Amino acid sequence: MTEATTDEFVRHLQAELVDAEQIQDKRLREQRIWRLEAALQEALEFQAHVLSLASEEIETFEEVTSVRLLASSDASAGEDEHVLDADSSVCRHCDENLEADVPFCPACGGYQ
């Protein structure tokens, strides 16, 4: 598998931007164009940043350890299941009991 370059990503976003002009629904077209333009801006800023670091002979990326753990590696499966069971019966917004098969809290309306 080959890796894409930032230039290829920028060209892809530009092509998607042209294609987005053909979306019939005005709201969907505007949303898609906005998202693509934002992504394109970020990609161009990233590219400029990497080029400026390279010109100053600064290492582009430094590998660091994760600062946000989603789960600890030593947690047992039983503990994870217990947490999921407890969370699924009580609203995470207002701590009221939830009804089965309802995706929102009947007390506060918070989506679960």
N, C-alpha and C. Protein backbone atom coordinates (compact mmCIF):
# COMPACT_ATOMS: atom_id res chain seq x y z
N MET A 1 0.84 -1.18 0.00
CA MET A 1 0.00 0.00 0.00
C MET A 1 0.89 1.24 0.00
N THR A 2 0.56 2.19 -0.84
CA THR A 2 1.35 3.41 -0.91
C THR A 2 0.73 4.48 -0.01
N GLU A 3 1.57 5.35 0.47
CA GLU A 3 1.11 6.44 1.32
C GLU A 3 0.90 7.69 0.48
N ALA A 4 -0.17 8.41 0.75
CA ALA A 4 -0.46 9.64 0.03
C ALA A 4 0.36 10.78 0.60
N THR A 5 0.73 11.70 -0.25
CA THR A 5 1.46 12.89 0.19
C THR A 5 0.46 14.00 0.49
N THR A 6 0.93 15.06 1.12
CA THR A 6 0.04 16.19 1.37
C THR A 6 -0.38 16.85 0.07
N ASP A 7 0.49 16.86 -0.93
CA ASP A 7 0.12 17.41 -2.24
C ASP A 7 -1.04 16.62 -2.84
N GLU A 8 -0.98 15.30 -2.74
CA GLU A 8 -2.07 14.47 -3.27
C GLU A 8 -3.36 14.71 -2.48
N PHE A 9 -3.25 14.89 -1.19
CA PHE A 9 -4.42 15.16 -0.38
C PHE A 9 -5.05 16.50 -0.77
N VAL A 10 -4.23 17.52 -0.96
CA VAL A 10 -4.73 18.83 -1.38
C VAL A 10 -5.42 18.72 -2.73
N ARG A 11 -4.82 18.01 -3.68
CA ARG A 11 -5.45 17.83 -4.99
C ARG A 11 -6.78 17.08 -4.87
N HIS A 12 -6.81 16.09 -3.99
CA HIS A 12 -8.06 15.36 -3.76
C HIS A 12 -9.15 16.29 -3.23
N LEU A 13 -8.81 17.11 -2.25
CA LEU A 13 -9.78 18.06 -1.70
C LEU A 13 -10.26 19.05 -2.75
N GLN A 14 -9.36 19.50 -3.60
CA GLN A 14 -9.74 20.43 -4.66
C GLN A 14 -10.70 19.77 -5.66
N ALA A 15 -10.45 18.52 -5.99
CA ALA A 15 -11.34 17.79 -6.89
C ALA A 15 -12.71 17.58 -6.24
N GLU A 16 -12.71 17.26 -4.95
CA GLU A 16 -13.98 17.09 -4.23
C GLU A 16 -14.75 18.41 -4.17
N LEU A 17 -14.04 19.52 -4.07
CA LEU A 17 -14.67 20.83 -4.05
C LEU A 17 -15.38 21.12 -5.36
N VAL A 18 -14.75 20.76 -6.46
CA VAL A 18 -15.38 20.92 -7.78
C VAL A 18 -16.62 20.04 -7.87
N ASP A 19 -16.51 18.80 -7.42
CA ASP A 19 -17.65 17.87 -7.45
C ASP A 19 -18.79 18.35 -6.55
N ALA A 20 -18.46 19.00 -5.45
CA ALA A 20 -19.48 19.45 -4.51
C ALA A 20 -20.40 20.51 -5.12
N GLU A 21 -19.91 21.23 -6.11
CA GLU A 21 -20.74 22.25 -6.78
C GLU A 21 -21.94 21.62 -7.46
N GLN A 22 -21.90 20.32 -7.73
CA GLN A 22 -22.98 19.62 -8.43
C GLN A 22 -24.07 19.11 -7.49
N ILE A 23 -23.90 19.25 -6.19
CA ILE A 23 -24.91 18.79 -5.24
C ILE A 23 -26.15 19.66 -5.39
N GLN A 24 -27.28 19.02 -5.59
CA GLN A 24 -28.53 19.74 -5.87
C GLN A 24 -29.09 20.47 -4.66
N ASP A 25 -29.09 19.82 -3.51
CA ASP A 25 -29.64 20.43 -2.30
C ASP A 25 -28.72 21.55 -1.83
N LYS A 26 -29.25 22.77 -1.76
CA LYS A 26 -28.43 23.94 -1.43
C LYS A 26 -27.75 23.80 -0.06
N ARG A 27 -28.52 23.35 0.95
CA ARG A 27 -27.97 23.24 2.30
C ARG A 27 -26.85 22.20 2.34
N LEU A 28 -27.08 21.04 1.72
CA LEU A 28 -26.05 20.00 1.69
C LEU A 28 -24.83 20.46 0.90
N ARG A 29 -25.06 21.17 -0.21
CA ARG A 29 -23.94 21.68 -1.02
C ARG A 29 -23.09 22.66 -0.21
N GLU A 30 -23.76 23.59 0.49
CA GLU A 30 -23.02 24.58 1.29
C GLU A 30 -22.25 23.93 2.42
N GLN A 31 -22.88 22.94 3.08
CA GLN A 31 -22.18 22.23 4.17
C GLN A 31 -20.96 21.51 3.65
N ARG A 32 -21.11 20.80 2.52
CA ARG A 32 -19.99 20.04 1.95
C ARG A 32 -18.86 20.99 1.53
N ILE A 33 -19.21 22.08 0.90
CA ILE A 33 -18.20 23.04 0.45
C ILE A 33 -17.48 23.64 1.65
N TRP A 34 -18.24 23.98 2.70
CA TRP A 34 -17.61 24.54 3.90
C TRP A 34 -16.63 23.57 4.51
N ARG A 35 -17.04 22.30 4.64
CA ARG A 35 -16.15 21.28 5.22
C ARG A 35 -14.90 21.09 4.36
N LEU A 36 -15.07 21.05 3.05
CA LEU A 36 -13.91 20.86 2.16
C LEU A 36 -12.98 22.06 2.21
N GLU A 37 -13.54 23.27 2.23
CA GLU A 37 -12.70 24.46 2.29
C GLU A 37 -11.92 24.52 3.61
N ALA A 38 -12.56 24.13 4.70
CA ALA A 38 -11.87 24.11 6.00
C ALA A 38 -10.74 23.08 5.98
N ALA A 39 -11.02 21.90 5.44
CA ALA A 39 -9.99 20.86 5.35
C ALA A 39 -8.85 21.30 4.45
N LEU A 40 -9.19 21.95 3.36
CA LEU A 40 -8.17 22.43 2.42
C LEU A 40 -7.28 23.47 3.08
N GLN A 41 -7.89 24.38 3.84
CA GLN A 41 -7.11 25.39 4.56
C GLN A 41 -6.16 24.76 5.56
N GLU A 42 -6.65 23.77 6.32
CA GLU A 42 -5.81 23.08 7.29
C GLU A 42 -4.66 22.34 6.60
N ALA A 43 -4.96 21.71 5.48
CA ALA A 43 -3.93 20.97 4.74
C ALA A 43 -2.85 21.92 4.23
N LEU A 44 -3.26 23.07 3.72
CA LEU A 44 -2.28 24.04 3.21
C LEU A 44 -1.44 24.63 4.34
N GLU A 45 -2.06 24.90 5.49
CA GLU A 45 -1.30 25.40 6.64
C GLU A 45 -0.32 24.35 7.14
N PHE A 46 -0.75 23.10 7.18
CA PHE A 46 0.13 22.01 7.60
C PHE A 46 1.32 21.90 6.64
N GLN A 47 1.04 21.95 5.36
CA GLN A 47 2.09 21.85 4.35
C GLN A 47 3.10 22.99 4.50
N ALA A 48 2.61 24.21 4.72
CA ALA A 48 3.50 25.35 4.90
C ALA A 48 4.34 25.20 6.17
N HIS A 49 3.72 24.69 7.23
CA HIS A 49 4.44 24.48 8.49
C HIS A 49 5.56 23.46 8.32
N VAL A 50 5.26 22.35 7.66
CA VAL A 50 6.26 21.30 7.44
C VAL A 50 7.41 21.83 6.58
N LEU A 51 7.09 22.60 5.56
CA LEU A 51 8.13 23.17 4.69
C LEU A 51 9.01 24.16 5.45
N SER A 52 8.40 24.96 6.34
CA SER A 52 9.22 25.92 7.10
C SER A 52 10.14 25.20 8.08
N LEU A 53 9.65 24.11 8.70
CA LEU A 53 10.51 23.34 9.58
C LEU A 53 11.65 22.69 8.82
N ALA A 54 11.35 22.17 7.65
CA ALA A 54 12.39 21.53 6.83
C ALA A 54 13.45 22.54 6.40
N SER A 55 13.03 23.75 6.07
CA SER A 55 14.00 24.76 5.64
C SER A 55 14.93 25.18 6.77
N GLU A 56 14.46 25.07 8.00
CA GLU A 56 15.28 25.39 9.17
C GLU A 56 15.98 24.16 9.73
N GLU A 57 15.85 23.05 9.02
CA GLU A 57 16.45 21.78 9.41
C GLU A 57 16.02 21.34 10.81
N ILE A 58 14.76 21.55 11.11
CA ILE A 58 14.18 21.11 12.37
C ILE A 58 13.41 19.82 12.09
N GLU A 59 13.54 18.86 13.01
CA GLU A 59 12.82 17.61 12.83
C GLU A 59 11.32 17.89 12.81
N THR A 60 10.65 17.37 11.79
CA THR A 60 9.23 17.68 11.59
C THR A 60 8.35 17.12 12.68
N PHE A 61 8.53 15.85 12.99
CA PHE A 61 7.68 15.20 13.98
C PHE A 61 8.52 14.56 15.06
N GLU A 62 8.02 14.67 16.27
CA GLU A 62 8.67 14.01 17.39
C GLU A 62 7.68 13.02 17.97
N GLU A 63 8.07 11.77 18.05
CA GLU A 63 7.17 10.75 18.57
C GLU A 63 7.12 10.85 20.08
N VAL A 64 5.91 11.01 20.60
CA VAL A 64 5.72 11.11 22.04
C VAL A 64 4.66 10.10 22.47
N THR A 65 4.65 9.82 23.76
CA THR A 65 3.65 8.89 24.27
C THR A 65 2.30 9.58 24.32
N SER A 66 1.25 8.79 24.27
CA SER A 66 -0.10 9.31 24.30
C SER A 66 -0.37 10.00 25.63
N VAL A 67 -1.09 11.11 25.57
CA VAL A 67 -1.44 11.82 26.79
C VAL A 67 -2.89 11.55 27.20
N ARG A 68 -3.64 10.91 26.34
CA ARG A 68 -5.04 10.62 26.63
C ARG A 68 -5.29 9.13 26.49
N LEU A 69 -5.47 8.47 27.61
CA LEU A 69 -5.74 7.04 27.59
C LEU A 69 -7.23 6.80 27.45
N LEU A 70 -7.59 5.96 26.51
CA LEU A 70 -8.99 5.58 26.36
C LEU A 70 -9.34 4.42 27.27
N ALA A 71 -8.39 3.56 27.51
CA ALA A 71 -8.55 2.44 28.43
C ALA A 71 -7.17 1.99 28.86
N SER A 72 -7.04 1.56 30.08
CA SER A 72 -5.73 1.08 30.50
C SER A 72 -5.54 -0.34 30.01
N SER A 73 -4.32 -0.69 29.72
CA SER A 73 -4.02 -2.01 29.17
C SER A 73 -4.19 -3.11 30.20
N ASP A 74 -4.17 -2.76 31.50
CA ASP A 74 -4.31 -3.80 32.51
C ASP A 74 -5.74 -3.94 33.05
N ALA A 75 -6.70 -3.21 32.45
CA ALA A 75 -8.10 -3.36 32.89
C ALA A 75 -8.64 -4.69 32.41
N SER A 76 -9.37 -5.35 33.27
CA SER A 76 -9.93 -6.65 32.89
C SER A 76 -11.23 -6.44 32.13
N ALA A 77 -11.60 -7.43 31.32
CA ALA A 77 -12.82 -7.37 30.53
C ALA A 77 -14.04 -7.28 31.43
N GLY A 78 -14.01 -7.94 32.57
CA GLY A 78 -15.13 -7.91 33.51
C GLY A 78 -15.41 -6.50 34.02
N GLU A 79 -14.35 -5.74 34.28
CA GLU A 79 -14.53 -4.37 34.75
C GLU A 79 -15.18 -3.52 33.67
N ASP A 80 -14.75 -3.68 32.41
CA ASP A 80 -15.30 -2.92 31.31
C ASP A 80 -16.78 -3.22 31.15
N GLU A 81 -17.16 -4.49 31.24
CA GLU A 81 -18.56 -4.85 31.08
C GLU A 81 -19.39 -4.27 32.21
N HIS A 82 -18.86 -4.27 33.43
CA HIS A 82 -19.59 -3.71 34.56
C HIS A 82 -19.86 -2.22 34.35
N VAL A 83 -18.87 -1.48 33.87
CA VAL A 83 -19.03 -0.06 33.62
C VAL A 83 -20.08 0.17 32.55
N LEU A 84 -20.05 -0.61 31.49
CA LEU A 84 -21.03 -0.45 30.42
C LEU A 84 -22.44 -0.76 30.92
N ASP A 85 -22.60 -1.79 31.74
CA ASP A 85 -23.92 -2.13 32.27
C ASP A 85 -24.45 -1.00 33.14
N ALA A 86 -23.61 -0.45 34.00
CA ALA A 86 -24.04 0.61 34.89
C ALA A 86 -24.42 1.85 34.10
N ASP A 87 -23.64 2.21 33.10
CA ASP A 87 -23.90 3.40 32.31
C ASP A 87 -25.16 3.27 31.46
N SER A 88 -25.50 2.07 31.04
CA SER A 88 -26.63 1.90 30.14
C SER A 88 -27.98 2.01 30.83
N SER A 89 -28.03 1.94 32.16
CA SER A 89 -29.31 2.00 32.86
C SER A 89 -29.58 3.35 33.51
N VAL A 90 -28.60 4.25 33.51
CA VAL A 90 -28.74 5.55 34.14
C VAL A 90 -28.32 6.63 33.15
N CYS A 91 -29.08 7.71 33.10
CA CYS A 91 -28.76 8.82 32.19
C CYS A 91 -27.42 9.44 32.57
N ARG A 92 -26.58 9.66 31.59
CA ARG A 92 -25.27 10.24 31.87
C ARG A 92 -25.35 11.76 32.07
N HIS A 93 -26.53 12.35 31.82
CA HIS A 93 -26.70 13.79 31.99
C HIS A 93 -27.34 14.15 33.32
N CYS A 94 -28.39 13.37 33.72
CA CYS A 94 -29.13 13.75 34.94
C CYS A 94 -29.23 12.63 35.96
N ASP A 95 -28.63 11.47 35.69
CA ASP A 95 -28.61 10.32 36.60
C ASP A 95 -29.98 9.70 36.88
N GLU A 96 -30.96 9.98 36.02
CA GLU A 96 -32.27 9.34 36.15
C GLU A 96 -32.23 7.96 35.50
N ASN A 97 -33.12 7.07 35.92
CA ASN A 97 -33.19 5.74 35.31
C ASN A 97 -33.69 5.85 33.88
N LEU A 98 -33.10 5.02 33.01
CA LEU A 98 -33.47 5.01 31.60
C LEU A 98 -34.42 3.86 31.30
N GLU A 99 -35.26 4.06 30.31
CA GLU A 99 -36.12 2.99 29.83
C GLU A 99 -35.36 2.20 28.77
N ALA A 100 -35.61 0.89 28.72
CA ALA A 100 -34.94 0.04 27.72
C ALA A 100 -35.41 0.42 26.32
N ASP A 101 -34.51 0.33 25.36
CA ASP A 101 -34.80 0.57 23.94
C ASP A 101 -35.20 2.01 23.61
N VAL A 102 -34.90 2.97 24.49
CA VAL A 102 -35.17 4.38 24.20
C VAL A 102 -33.82 5.08 24.14
N PRO A 103 -33.51 5.73 23.01
CA PRO A 103 -32.18 6.34 22.86
C PRO A 103 -31.99 7.66 23.57
N PHE A 104 -33.00 8.13 24.32
CA PHE A 104 -32.87 9.38 25.03
C PHE A 104 -33.48 9.25 26.42
N CYS A 105 -33.13 10.19 27.30
CA CYS A 105 -33.63 10.18 28.67
C CYS A 105 -35.03 10.78 28.71
N PRO A 106 -36.00 10.07 29.29
CA PRO A 106 -37.34 10.62 29.38
C PRO A 106 -37.44 11.81 30.35
N ALA A 107 -36.48 11.93 31.26
CA ALA A 107 -36.51 13.03 32.24
C ALA A 107 -35.94 14.33 31.67
N CYS A 108 -34.75 14.26 31.08
CA CYS A 108 -34.09 15.48 30.60
C CYS A 108 -34.02 15.59 29.08
N GLY A 109 -34.27 14.48 28.39
CA GLY A 109 -34.22 14.50 26.92
C GLY A 109 -32.83 14.30 26.36
N GLY A 110 -31.84 14.10 27.22
CA GLY A 110 -30.46 13.91 26.76
C GLY A 110 -30.30 12.63 25.96
N TYR A 111 -29.65 12.75 24.81
CA TYR A 111 -29.42 11.57 23.96
C TYR A 111 -28.33 10.70 24.57
N GLN A 112 -28.57 9.40 24.59
CA GLN A 112 -27.63 8.47 25.21
C GLN A 112 -26.77 7.89 24.15
